[in-house]
Amino acid sequence: MQESLVRYWSQQAVALCDDIDDESLEQPKASVEQAVDCMGKDRRIVLIGASRSGKSGLLAGMVGCPVLGQVEPEYHYLRWRYLNNDGDSSHCRFMAEPALSGMELVNTRGCEHPLVAEAVAALLPAADVVIAVVDAREPQNAPVWGLMAPLPEEGGPACVVALTHADMLDAEHTVMLSETVRTLCRERLGRALPVYQVNPANAVMAAEFGTKVVEAMESSSGGLRAAIRETMRCGSDLLYKQGSVLKARDAVARTDSGFLQGIEQEIDNFQTRQMQGVRNCVLNYAAAAQRCMPRLIQYMRRSLGWFLSPVVFIRLESYGSASENLYYRLVLDDVATQQEELDKQFVVSCGGHWRSVRPRMKQTLQCEIGEFPAEALETELTQLRTQLQSNLYAPFRYQKIRSAFASLFKCQVDWMRLFIVSFCVSFFCAGLLGFFGMEDIAVIFLGIAGVLWMLGTLIHCLVVRKICMLMSTKAEPLYESFSEHLAAIVQDMIVSRVAAYRRLYTEPRQRVAAYETSLAPLQQRQSEIFRQLRSAAPRV
């Protein structure tokens, strides 16, 4: 009953740790769980003695069950286990008896046999109680002394001497028997042991001796009482630490909210400093349109080529949208690169502020906010960069850059068509006249075709140069449009970035706020568990 109460309230103390949710409770919690497991381990009682010394009869009398017979000749020992079948059938007999749940009684053969003594010696260090059954007629020759000598006095099993066959001695020897055996214990073992005269055939004496054995088992260093005391000690330590944590939280709940407001003010000041750089940021983004124009012109020169070509003529109508898309991509990459660098600087600044807040939060509010969650912040910043990039196309649409670029190429359709058709007709005529043998006239038409191609190429080079100059001119309004359009967007982005950092403090703020509502029930539970555990613990 006592064991079950201590176990129950210790487990309640462990369950309370999950509701308190504090890292400092993990180690004492593990100690309680380990102590509870130790308290519930199987208990082993081993009987040793010479053949026909009365071990089996004493064991049956202690348990009150005549089924516990002698050890068969093929075994060195037999383990009688109650309700704790571990699957090991070697040397085991399993019996259902609720009163003996978790008990293991080991009966041995005559330990005067060397093989039996060797097998039994391996069982003794792990036993809770060792019962040395000594024939009262020949205590000096009992084989138990050699087996018990290696056992330590401290930290080992409890040892008890049971004197049997004392009824066969005369009255004079019976009176001095117990003292004689105690003296023999001091000589052979170097320590005194409890000595009891037991008649295995007498059920009352055997049962009383069983009670003495249980007391020895519970009082031993590894016994049940020691396990209960250790569990109670660990449970008390855990409850004391829980009380300290709850007391600190009570102080936090009573503390003025000025500390958290101070953190919010620091973040607001941080946002203000970020806002001071909006103008420079917008100008840098707008300058991206100027920086990217030379790259666009260079690409268009390569794409249009240096010679008049039907391929260029065929693609002429698509150059307007293609050049606008390319220009947008170049500006987008430039702005994205700038924004990534700004975001890296922002994360570094936030990390420095977080590291300055962490010790203050722990000291003032007893709240551990952990390492700076840089990955979570970077994920939100990536989403904000995506939103910024999607807004960059608006100035292109407002200034109708695609239509402006398309009109430049559309103006070249007529003269290119004229020159290409004229060149093709002259070349065809030269071929046709040459086929009919009019070589002189064919050469003239071939020359005309060459002149047309050279003249068209010259015009093409001049037109390409003019187109590149006009593209730069038509894109000039885009610079101012960027400055106007991006000002509000950049401001919103800075506010969103700071808000993303501010959200990292949501969990600590909620945790501190939850102290006030959950504190009283936790304190009541902790106090009740502590009271019940103390009342269930053994009185020593």
Protein backbone atom coordinates (compact mmCIF):
# COMPACT_ATOMS: atom_id res chain seq x y z
CA MET A 1 0.00 0.00 0.00
CA GLN A 2 2.79 2.38 0.97
CA GLU A 3 4.74 1.52 -2.18
CA SER A 4 1.73 2.12 -4.42
CA LEU A 5 0.98 5.51 -2.81
CA VAL A 6 4.56 6.73 -3.15
CA ARG A 7 4.64 5.48 -6.73
CA TYR A 8 1.35 7.22 -7.60
CA TRP A 9 2.20 10.62 -6.13
CA SER A 10 5.73 10.50 -7.56
CA GLN A 11 4.24 9.90 -10.98
CA GLN A 12 1.86 12.80 -10.40
CA ALA A 13 4.89 15.01 -9.69
CA VAL A 14 6.46 13.83 -12.96
CA ALA A 15 3.24 14.58 -14.85
CA LEU A 16 3.18 18.08 -13.35
CA CYS A 17 6.53 18.80 -15.06
CA ASP A 18 4.86 18.60 -18.47
CA ASP A 19 2.34 21.25 -17.46
CA ILE A 20 4.97 23.53 -15.93
CA ASP A 21 7.20 23.12 -19.02
CA ASP A 22 10.57 24.25 -17.73
CA GLU A 23 13.93 22.85 -18.87
CA SER A 24 15.43 23.02 -15.37
CA LEU A 25 13.05 20.23 -14.25
CA GLU A 26 14.29 17.64 -16.74
CA GLN A 27 17.13 16.26 -14.59
CA PRO A 28 15.16 15.89 -11.30
CA LYS A 29 12.27 14.47 -13.32
CA ALA A 30 14.55 11.77 -14.75
CA SER A 31 15.80 10.99 -11.22
CA VAL A 32 12.23 10.42 -10.00
CA GLU A 33 11.43 8.17 -12.96
CA GLN A 34 14.58 6.13 -12.30
CA ALA A 35 13.76 5.82 -8.59
CA VAL A 36 10.19 4.68 -9.37
CA ASP A 37 11.55 2.02 -11.74
CA CYS A 38 13.98 0.84 -9.06
CA MET A 39 11.18 0.66 -6.52
CA GLY A 40 9.23 -1.61 -8.82
CA LYS A 41 12.03 -4.07 -9.58
CA ASP A 42 11.72 -7.77 -8.75
CA ARG A 43 12.81 -8.89 -5.26
CA ARG A 44 14.98 -12.01 -4.91
CA ILE A 45 15.40 -14.18 -1.79
CA VAL A 46 17.99 -16.97 -2.01
CA LEU A 47 18.20 -19.91 0.39
CA ILE A 48 21.57 -21.64 0.70
CA GLY A 49 22.65 -24.52 2.84
CA ALA A 50 23.80 -28.11 2.98
CA SER A 51 21.77 -31.04 1.76
CA ARG A 52 18.95 -32.07 4.12
CA SER A 53 19.39 -28.91 6.16
CA GLY A 54 15.69 -28.07 5.74
CA LYS A 55 15.80 -25.42 2.97
CA SER A 56 12.78 -26.68 0.99
CA GLY A 57 10.65 -27.17 4.09
CA LEU A 58 11.58 -23.72 5.40
CA LEU A 59 10.75 -22.13 2.03
CA ALA A 60 7.35 -23.86 1.89
CA GLY A 61 6.60 -22.85 5.47
CA MET A 62 7.52 -19.21 4.82
CA VAL A 63 5.20 -18.98 1.81
CA GLY A 64 2.57 -21.29 3.22
CA CYS A 65 2.59 -23.38 0.07
CA PRO A 66 3.72 -27.03 0.16
CA VAL A 67 4.13 -27.00 -3.65
CA LEU A 68 7.64 -25.63 -3.19
CA GLY A 69 9.45 -28.95 -3.18
CA GLN A 70 13.05 -29.93 -3.33
CA VAL A 71 15.35 -29.07 -6.21
CA GLU A 72 15.55 -31.82 -8.76
CA PRO A 73 18.95 -33.53 -9.16
CA GLU A 74 19.41 -32.16 -12.68
CA TYR A 75 19.29 -28.56 -11.39
CA HIS A 76 21.65 -26.63 -9.15
CA TYR A 77 18.85 -24.31 -8.09
CA LEU A 78 15.19 -23.45 -8.86
CA ARG A 79 13.65 -19.98 -9.05
CA TRP A 80 10.05 -19.69 -7.92
CA ARG A 81 8.71 -16.54 -9.56
CA TYR A 82 5.33 -14.92 -8.88
CA LEU A 83 3.39 -13.03 -11.58
CA ASN A 84 6.54 -11.79 -13.30
CA ASN A 85 7.21 -14.30 -16.04
CA ASP A 86 10.06 -12.81 -18.05
CA GLY A 87 10.08 -15.61 -20.62
CA ASP A 88 13.11 -17.32 -19.10
CA SER A 89 12.06 -20.92 -18.47
CA SER A 90 15.47 -22.19 -17.37
CA HIS A 91 15.52 -23.18 -13.65
CA CYS A 92 12.17 -21.35 -13.24
CA ARG A 93 8.76 -22.21 -11.89
CA PHE A 94 6.05 -19.55 -12.31
CA MET A 95 3.19 -19.24 -9.83
CA ALA A 96 0.20 -16.90 -9.63
CA GLU A 97 -0.04 -15.32 -6.20
CA PRO A 98 -1.03 -11.60 -6.00
CA ALA A 99 0.40 -11.24 -2.49
CA LEU A 100 3.85 -12.25 -3.75
CA SER A 101 3.78 -10.28 -7.01
CA GLY A 102 7.28 -9.32 -8.10
CA MET A 103 8.94 -11.84 -5.75
CA GLU A 104 11.51 -14.47 -6.70
CA LEU A 105 12.33 -17.24 -4.21
CA VAL A 106 15.41 -19.30 -5.07
CA ASN A 107 15.83 -22.75 -3.59
CA THR A 108 19.23 -24.42 -4.00
CA ARG A 109 20.69 -27.90 -3.78
CA GLY A 110 23.30 -28.80 -1.25
CA CYS A 111 26.02 -26.16 -1.48
CA GLU A 112 28.67 -28.60 -0.34
CA HIS A 113 28.85 -29.71 -3.98
CA PRO A 114 31.44 -27.54 -5.85
CA LEU A 115 29.36 -27.17 -9.03
CA VAL A 116 26.31 -26.13 -7.02
CA ALA A 117 28.37 -23.67 -4.99
CA GLU A 118 29.77 -22.12 -8.16
CA ALA A 119 26.31 -21.73 -9.76
CA VAL A 120 24.74 -20.35 -6.56
CA ALA A 121 27.59 -17.89 -5.94
CA ALA A 122 26.66 -16.08 -9.17
CA LEU A 123 23.12 -15.47 -7.83
CA LEU A 124 24.04 -13.98 -4.46
CA PRO A 125 25.32 -10.47 -5.43
CA ALA A 126 22.02 -9.68 -7.16
CA ALA A 127 19.88 -10.99 -4.29
CA ASP A 128 17.99 -8.79 -1.85
CA VAL A 129 18.13 -11.33 0.99
CA VAL A 130 20.36 -14.38 1.46
CA ILE A 131 19.06 -16.95 3.97
CA ALA A 132 21.82 -19.19 5.23
CA VAL A 133 20.14 -22.40 6.45
CA VAL A 134 22.51 -23.96 9.01
CA ASP A 135 22.05 -27.34 10.61
CA ALA A 136 22.20 -26.61 14.34
CA ARG A 137 23.94 -29.93 14.94
CA GLU A 138 27.02 -29.00 12.87
CA PRO A 139 27.16 -25.20 12.39
CA GLN A 140 30.96 -25.18 12.01
CA ASN A 141 30.79 -27.51 8.99
CA ALA A 142 28.01 -25.62 7.16
CA PRO A 143 29.05 -24.79 3.53
CA VAL A 144 27.32 -21.40 3.69
CA TRP A 145 30.26 -19.58 5.28
CA GLY A 146 32.44 -19.83 2.20
CA LEU A 147 29.62 -18.57 -0.05
CA MET A 148 28.75 -15.62 2.19
CA ALA A 149 32.30 -14.48 2.90
CA PRO A 150 32.73 -12.56 -0.43
CA LEU A 151 29.49 -10.60 0.06
CA PRO A 152 30.07 -6.96 1.11
CA GLU A 153 28.69 -5.74 4.39
CA GLU A 154 27.55 -2.43 2.87
CA GLY A 155 25.65 -2.30 -0.39
CA GLY A 156 25.19 -6.05 -0.61
CA PRO A 157 22.20 -8.27 0.13
CA ALA A 158 20.80 -8.58 3.62
CA CYS A 159 22.01 -11.86 5.20
CA VAL A 160 20.04 -13.90 7.73
CA VAL A 161 20.98 -17.18 9.45
CA ALA A 162 18.21 -19.76 9.98
CA LEU A 163 19.12 -22.52 12.47
CA THR A 164 17.23 -25.74 11.78
CA HIS A 165 17.07 -29.05 13.65
CA ALA A 166 17.60 -27.20 16.92
CA ASP A 167 14.83 -29.32 18.41
CA MET A 168 17.13 -32.33 18.18
CA LEU A 169 19.64 -30.80 20.62
CA ASP A 170 19.46 -30.92 24.37
CA ALA A 171 18.29 -27.90 26.32
CA GLU A 172 21.78 -26.79 27.33
CA HIS A 173 23.06 -26.58 23.78
CA THR A 174 19.83 -24.97 22.58
CA VAL A 175 20.18 -22.06 25.00
CA MET A 176 23.73 -21.28 23.89
CA LEU A 177 23.15 -22.11 20.19
CA SER A 178 22.28 -18.63 18.87
CA GLU A 179 25.20 -16.96 20.65
CA THR A 180 27.53 -19.68 19.39
CA VAL A 181 26.44 -19.10 15.80
CA ARG A 182 26.82 -15.32 16.18
CA THR A 183 30.36 -15.84 17.38
CA LEU A 184 30.94 -18.13 14.44
CA CYS A 185 29.63 -15.40 12.07
CA ARG A 186 32.10 -12.89 13.48
CA GLU A 187 34.94 -15.39 13.09
CA ARG A 188 34.08 -16.59 9.59
CA LEU A 189 32.55 -13.45 8.09
CA GLY A 190 33.94 -10.64 10.20
CA ARG A 191 30.49 -9.33 11.09
CA ALA A 192 27.43 -10.26 13.11
CA LEU A 193 24.27 -11.50 11.40
CA PRO A 194 20.70 -11.95 12.66
CA VAL A 195 20.28 -15.54 13.84
CA TYR A 196 16.88 -17.22 14.22
CA GLN A 197 16.01 -20.74 15.36
CA VAL A 198 13.35 -22.08 13.01
CA ASN A 199 11.49 -25.34 12.82
CA PRO A 200 10.37 -25.73 9.17
CA ALA A 201 7.71 -28.22 10.24
CA ASN A 202 6.11 -25.61 12.51
CA ALA A 203 3.98 -23.38 10.24
CA VAL A 204 3.76 -20.60 12.84
CA MET A 205 7.51 -20.43 13.37
CA ALA A 206 8.12 -20.55 9.59
CA ALA A 207 5.61 -17.76 8.95
CA GLU A 208 7.14 -15.60 11.70
CA PHE A 209 10.55 -16.19 10.20
CA GLY A 210 9.14 -15.13 6.80
CA THR A 211 8.07 -11.84 8.38
CA LYS A 212 11.62 -11.31 9.68
CA VAL A 213 12.98 -11.96 6.21
CA VAL A 214 10.62 -9.41 4.65
CA GLU A 215 11.70 -6.84 7.24
CA ALA A 216 15.33 -7.55 6.42
CA MET A 217 14.60 -7.20 2.72
CA GLU A 218 12.80 -3.88 3.15
CA SER A 219 15.51 -2.52 5.45
CA SER A 220 18.44 -3.48 3.22
CA SER A 221 20.36 -0.89 1.18
CA GLY A 222 18.68 -2.14 -1.97
CA GLY A 223 15.42 -3.13 -0.33
CA LEU A 224 11.93 -1.83 -0.76
CA ARG A 225 12.04 0.64 2.13
CA ALA A 226 15.28 2.11 0.84
CA ALA A 227 13.76 2.33 -2.63
CA ILE A 228 10.69 4.04 -1.20
CA ARG A 229 12.86 6.49 0.73
CA GLU A 230 14.95 7.21 -2.38
CA THR A 231 11.82 7.74 -4.48
CA MET A 232 10.40 10.03 -1.82
CA ARG A 233 13.68 11.99 -1.66
CA CYS A 234 13.83 12.42 -5.46
CA GLY A 235 10.15 13.31 -5.55
CA SER A 236 10.63 15.91 -2.82
CA ASP A 237 13.60 17.42 -4.66
CA LEU A 238 11.52 17.62 -7.83
CA LEU A 239 8.61 19.23 -6.00
CA TYR A 240 10.94 21.75 -4.33
CA LYS A 241 12.34 22.72 -7.75
CA GLN A 242 8.82 22.94 -9.16
CA GLY A 243 7.91 25.22 -6.28
CA SER A 244 10.92 27.41 -7.04
CA VAL A 245 9.93 27.67 -10.71
CA LEU A 246 6.33 28.51 -9.83
CA LYS A 247 7.48 31.04 -7.26
CA ALA A 248 9.67 32.73 -9.88
CA ARG A 249 6.73 32.79 -12.28
CA ASP A 250 4.58 34.32 -9.58
CA ALA A 251 7.17 37.07 -9.29
CA VAL A 252 7.07 37.49 -13.07
CA ALA A 253 3.29 37.70 -13.03
CA ARG A 254 3.50 40.44 -10.41
CA THR A 255 6.20 42.31 -12.28
CA ASP A 256 5.19 45.44 -14.15
CA SER A 257 4.84 44.91 -17.91
CA GLY A 258 7.32 47.73 -18.50
CA PHE A 259 10.07 45.27 -19.45
CA LEU A 260 8.14 43.87 -22.41
CA GLN A 261 7.10 47.36 -23.38
CA GLY A 262 10.76 48.33 -23.33
CA ILE A 263 11.56 45.49 -25.78
CA GLU A 264 8.75 46.70 -28.04
CA GLN A 265 10.15 50.22 -27.89
CA GLU A 266 13.58 48.95 -28.89
CA ILE A 267 12.05 47.26 -31.92
CA ASP A 268 10.15 50.45 -32.78
CA ASN A 269 13.40 52.41 -32.64
CA PHE A 270 14.99 49.79 -34.84
CA GLN A 271 12.18 50.28 -37.37
CA THR A 272 12.65 54.05 -37.25
CA ARG A 273 16.33 53.69 -38.11
CA GLN A 274 15.41 51.38 -40.95
CA MET A 275 12.94 53.95 -42.29
CA GLN A 276 15.66 56.56 -42.47
CA GLY A 277 17.27 54.61 -45.28
CA VAL A 278 14.15 54.37 -47.44
CA ARG A 279 15.14 57.27 -49.73
CA ASN A 280 18.59 55.88 -50.47
CA CYS A 281 17.16 52.42 -51.01
CA VAL A 282 14.58 53.74 -53.53
CA LEU A 283 17.24 55.72 -55.39
CA ASN A 284 19.44 52.65 -55.64
CA TYR A 285 16.55 50.62 -56.99
CA ALA A 286 15.68 53.35 -59.50
CA ALA A 287 19.33 53.55 -60.56
CA ALA A 288 19.07 49.88 -61.50
CA ALA A 289 17.06 50.96 -64.56
CA GLN A 290 19.97 53.15 -65.66
CA ARG A 291 22.62 50.55 -64.85
CA CYS A 292 20.83 47.86 -66.83
CA MET A 293 20.25 49.96 -69.99
CA PRO A 294 23.81 49.51 -71.40
CA ARG A 295 23.47 45.75 -70.99
CA LEU A 296 20.13 45.84 -72.80
CA ILE A 297 21.61 47.90 -75.67
CA GLN A 298 24.55 45.51 -75.95
CA TYR A 299 22.22 42.55 -76.15
CA MET A 300 20.01 44.21 -78.78
CA ARG A 301 23.05 45.06 -80.94
CA ARG A 302 24.05 41.40 -80.95
CA SER A 303 20.50 40.25 -81.57
CA LEU A 304 19.84 42.64 -84.49
CA GLY A 305 23.24 41.87 -86.05
CA TRP A 306 25.43 43.99 -88.33
CA PHE A 307 23.88 42.97 -91.66
CA LEU A 308 20.45 43.23 -93.18
CA SER A 309 18.85 39.80 -92.91
CA PRO A 310 15.42 38.29 -93.63
CA VAL A 311 15.66 36.60 -90.22
CA VAL A 312 15.82 39.98 -88.47
CA PHE A 313 12.87 41.16 -90.60
CA ILE A 314 10.82 38.10 -89.63
CA ARG A 315 11.55 38.61 -85.93
CA LEU A 316 11.06 42.36 -86.01
CA GLU A 317 7.56 42.38 -84.53
CA SER A 318 8.62 40.26 -81.50
CA TYR A 319 11.57 42.47 -80.59
CA GLY A 320 9.37 44.97 -78.73
CA SER A 321 8.07 42.52 -76.11
CA ALA A 322 11.37 40.61 -76.00
CA SER A 323 13.42 43.74 -75.27
CA GLU A 324 10.95 44.87 -72.62
CA ASN A 325 11.02 41.43 -70.93
CA LEU A 326 14.79 41.39 -71.00
CA TYR A 327 14.97 44.89 -69.55
CA TYR A 328 12.59 43.88 -66.75
CA ARG A 329 14.62 40.75 -65.94
CA LEU A 330 17.85 42.74 -65.80
CA VAL A 331 16.33 45.32 -63.45
CA LEU A 332 14.72 42.55 -61.39
CA ASP A 333 18.03 40.72 -60.91
CA ASP A 334 19.80 43.95 -59.96
CA VAL A 335 17.14 44.88 -57.38
CA ALA A 336 16.98 41.31 -56.01
CA THR A 337 20.74 41.32 -55.48
CA GLN A 338 20.55 44.61 -53.60
CA GLN A 339 17.62 43.40 -51.50
CA GLU A 340 19.36 40.14 -50.60
CA GLU A 341 22.34 42.07 -49.30
CA LEU A 342 20.06 44.38 -47.30
CA ASP A 343 18.23 41.37 -45.86
CA LYS A 344 21.52 39.79 -44.78
CA GLN A 345 22.43 42.98 -42.95
CA PHE A 346 18.95 43.04 -41.42
CA VAL A 347 19.29 39.46 -40.13
CA VAL A 348 22.68 40.26 -38.61
CA SER A 349 21.23 43.32 -36.84
CA CYS A 350 18.26 41.31 -35.56
CA GLY A 351 20.58 38.57 -34.32
CA GLY A 352 22.60 41.10 -32.34
CA HIS A 353 19.47 42.54 -30.77
CA TRP A 354 18.11 39.06 -29.96
CA ARG A 355 21.34 38.10 -28.20
CA SER A 356 21.14 41.26 -26.11
CA VAL A 357 17.50 40.57 -25.17
CA ARG A 358 17.95 36.87 -24.32
CA PRO A 359 19.90 37.25 -21.02
CA ARG A 360 17.69 40.15 -19.95
CA MET A 361 14.55 38.12 -20.63
CA LYS A 362 15.91 35.17 -18.66
CA GLN A 363 16.99 37.29 -15.72
CA THR A 364 13.93 39.51 -15.50
CA LEU A 365 11.08 37.23 -16.60
CA GLN A 366 12.63 33.79 -16.03
CA CYS A 367 11.84 33.04 -19.68
CA GLU A 368 14.38 31.28 -21.92
CA ILE A 369 13.81 32.33 -25.54
CA GLY A 370 16.60 30.16 -26.97
CA GLU A 371 18.96 30.78 -29.84
CA PHE A 372 18.14 33.33 -32.53
CA PRO A 373 15.79 31.65 -35.08
CA ALA A 374 17.57 33.02 -38.14
CA GLU A 375 16.09 30.42 -40.51
CA ALA A 376 12.51 31.35 -39.64
CA LEU A 377 13.25 35.04 -40.22
CA GLU A 378 15.07 34.36 -43.50
CA THR A 379 12.08 32.36 -44.75
CA GLU A 380 9.77 35.33 -44.22
CA LEU A 381 12.27 37.71 -45.82
CA THR A 382 12.37 35.47 -48.89
CA GLN A 383 8.60 35.79 -49.20
CA LEU A 384 8.85 39.57 -48.86
CA ARG A 385 11.47 39.71 -51.63
CA THR A 386 9.12 37.76 -53.87
CA GLN A 387 6.38 40.33 -53.23
CA LEU A 388 8.79 43.16 -54.01
CA GLN A 389 9.81 41.54 -57.29
CA SER A 390 6.19 41.11 -58.33
CA ASN A 391 5.66 44.86 -57.80
CA LEU A 392 8.63 45.87 -59.94
CA TYR A 393 6.73 45.38 -63.20
CA ALA A 394 4.19 48.09 -62.38
CA PRO A 395 6.41 51.02 -63.59
CA PHE A 396 7.02 49.21 -66.90
CA ARG A 397 3.28 48.88 -67.34
CA TYR A 398 2.53 52.49 -66.34
CA GLN A 399 5.15 53.92 -68.70
CA LYS A 400 4.09 51.55 -71.51
CA ILE A 401 7.68 50.50 -72.13
CA ARG A 402 6.62 47.54 -74.23
CA SER A 403 4.56 49.73 -76.59
CA ALA A 404 7.37 52.30 -76.80
CA PHE A 405 9.95 49.66 -77.72
CA ALA A 406 7.55 47.95 -80.14
CA SER A 407 6.95 51.22 -82.00
CA LEU A 408 10.70 51.59 -82.62
CA PHE A 409 10.85 48.26 -84.39
CA LYS A 410 7.53 48.66 -86.14
CA CYS A 411 8.82 51.76 -87.97
CA GLN A 412 11.50 49.69 -89.66
CA VAL A 413 9.12 47.21 -91.28
CA ASP A 414 8.45 49.19 -94.53
CA TRP A 415 12.01 50.03 -95.59
CA MET A 416 13.30 46.59 -94.62
CA ARG A 417 10.55 44.96 -96.66
CA LEU A 418 11.37 47.25 -99.64
CA PHE A 419 15.07 46.47 -99.58
CA ILE A 420 14.66 42.77 -98.98
CA VAL A 421 12.02 42.41 -101.75
CA SER A 422 14.12 44.53 -104.15
CA PHE A 423 17.21 42.48 -103.36
CA CYS A 424 15.35 39.22 -103.88
CA VAL A 425 13.80 40.41 -107.20
CA SER A 426 17.20 41.63 -108.53
CA PHE A 427 18.89 38.42 -107.48
CA PHE A 428 16.12 36.35 -109.06
CA CYS A 429 16.29 38.32 -112.32
CA ALA A 430 20.06 37.93 -112.44
CA GLY A 431 19.67 34.20 -112.08
CA LEU A 432 16.89 34.00 -114.68
CA LEU A 433 18.80 36.10 -117.27
CA GLY A 434 21.93 34.10 -116.68
CA PHE A 435 19.95 30.95 -117.31
CA PHE A 436 18.91 32.24 -120.74
CA GLY A 437 22.47 33.24 -121.64
CA MET A 438 22.22 37.02 -121.13
CA GLU A 439 25.22 37.19 -118.89
CA ASP A 440 25.90 40.90 -119.28
CA ILE A 441 22.42 41.91 -118.18
CA ALA A 442 22.51 39.26 -115.44
CA VAL A 443 25.72 40.76 -114.06
CA ILE A 444 24.06 44.17 -114.01
CA PHE A 445 21.10 42.82 -111.98
CA LEU A 446 23.49 40.96 -109.72
CA GLY A 447 25.38 44.19 -109.09
CA ILE A 448 22.10 45.97 -108.38
CA ALA A 449 21.28 43.22 -105.83
CA GLY A 450 24.70 43.66 -104.21
CA VAL A 451 24.32 47.41 -104.07
CA LEU A 452 20.86 47.05 -102.53
CA TRP A 453 22.19 44.62 -99.89
CA MET A 454 25.14 46.87 -99.03
CA LEU A 455 22.94 49.94 -98.89
CA GLY A 456 20.35 48.12 -96.76
CA THR A 457 23.11 46.90 -94.42
CA LEU A 458 24.41 50.45 -94.03
CA ILE A 459 20.93 51.71 -93.31
CA HIS A 460 20.41 48.77 -90.93
CA CYS A 461 23.52 49.70 -88.90
CA LEU A 462 22.39 53.33 -88.71
CA VAL A 463 18.86 52.26 -87.72
CA VAL A 464 20.17 49.89 -85.02
CA ARG A 465 22.23 52.69 -83.57
CA LYS A 466 19.23 54.99 -83.66
CA ILE A 467 16.98 52.34 -82.06
CA CYS A 468 19.44 51.83 -79.19
CA MET A 469 19.60 55.60 -78.62
CA LEU A 470 15.80 55.90 -78.73
CA MET A 471 15.39 52.94 -76.33
CA SER A 472 17.52 54.76 -73.78
CA THR A 473 15.50 57.95 -74.33
CA LYS A 474 12.11 56.23 -74.04
CA ALA A 475 13.24 54.49 -70.82
CA GLU A 476 14.16 57.75 -69.09
CA PRO A 477 10.64 58.31 -67.61
CA LEU A 478 11.01 54.88 -66.05
CA TYR A 479 13.64 56.17 -63.62
CA GLU A 480 11.32 58.74 -62.11
CA SER A 481 8.46 56.28 -62.11
CA PHE A 482 10.55 53.84 -60.11
CA SER A 483 11.31 56.51 -57.53
CA GLU A 484 7.64 57.36 -57.10
CA HIS A 485 6.27 53.84 -57.25
CA LEU A 486 8.81 52.08 -55.03
CA ALA A 487 8.80 54.59 -52.16
CA ALA A 488 5.60 53.21 -50.61
CA ILE A 489 6.54 49.61 -51.47
CA VAL A 490 9.92 49.86 -49.78
CA GLN A 491 8.35 51.44 -46.72
CA ASP A 492 5.81 48.62 -46.51
CA MET A 493 8.58 46.08 -46.93
CA ILE A 494 10.62 47.57 -44.09
CA VAL A 495 7.56 47.55 -41.85
CA SER A 496 6.88 43.94 -42.84
CA ARG A 497 10.50 42.94 -42.17
CA VAL A 498 10.42 44.45 -38.69
CA ALA A 499 7.01 42.86 -38.08
CA ALA A 500 8.51 39.48 -39.03
CA TYR A 501 11.22 40.01 -36.43
CA ARG A 502 8.67 41.22 -33.87
CA ARG A 503 6.65 38.01 -34.37
CA LEU A 504 9.63 35.99 -33.14
CA TYR A 505 8.79 37.31 -29.66
CA THR A 506 5.17 36.13 -29.85
CA GLU A 507 5.80 32.81 -28.11
CA PRO A 508 7.79 34.32 -25.20
CA ARG A 509 5.12 37.00 -24.75
CA GLN A 510 2.34 34.40 -24.77
CA ARG A 511 4.27 32.20 -22.35
CA VAL A 512 4.73 35.04 -19.90
CA ALA A 513 1.09 36.07 -20.29
CA ALA A 514 -0.03 32.49 -19.63
CA TYR A 515 1.74 32.46 -16.26
CA GLU A 516 -0.94 34.62 -14.70
CA THR A 517 -3.86 32.37 -15.72
CA SER A 518 -2.21 28.97 -15.18
CA LEU A 519 -0.15 29.77 -12.10
CA ALA A 520 -2.76 29.28 -9.35
CA PRO A 521 -3.92 25.78 -10.48
CA LEU A 522 -0.30 24.64 -10.86
CA GLN A 523 0.58 25.91 -7.39
CA GLN A 524 -2.42 24.11 -5.89
CA ARG A 525 -1.49 20.83 -7.62
CA GLN A 526 2.14 21.13 -6.54
CA SER A 527 1.16 21.74 -2.92
CA GLU A 528 -1.31 18.83 -2.88
CA ILE A 529 1.15 16.39 -4.46
CA PHE A 530 3.85 17.43 -1.99
CA ARG A 531 1.51 16.92 0.97
CA GLN A 532 0.32 13.52 -0.23
CA LEU A 533 3.83 12.31 -1.00
CA ARG A 534 5.10 13.31 2.44
CA SER A 535 2.17 11.56 4.14
CA ALA A 536 2.73 8.37 2.08
CA ALA A 537 6.48 8.17 2.78
CA PRO A 538 7.76 5.81 5.53
CA ARG A 539 8.39 7.22 8.97
CA VAL A 540 12.03 6.54 9.84
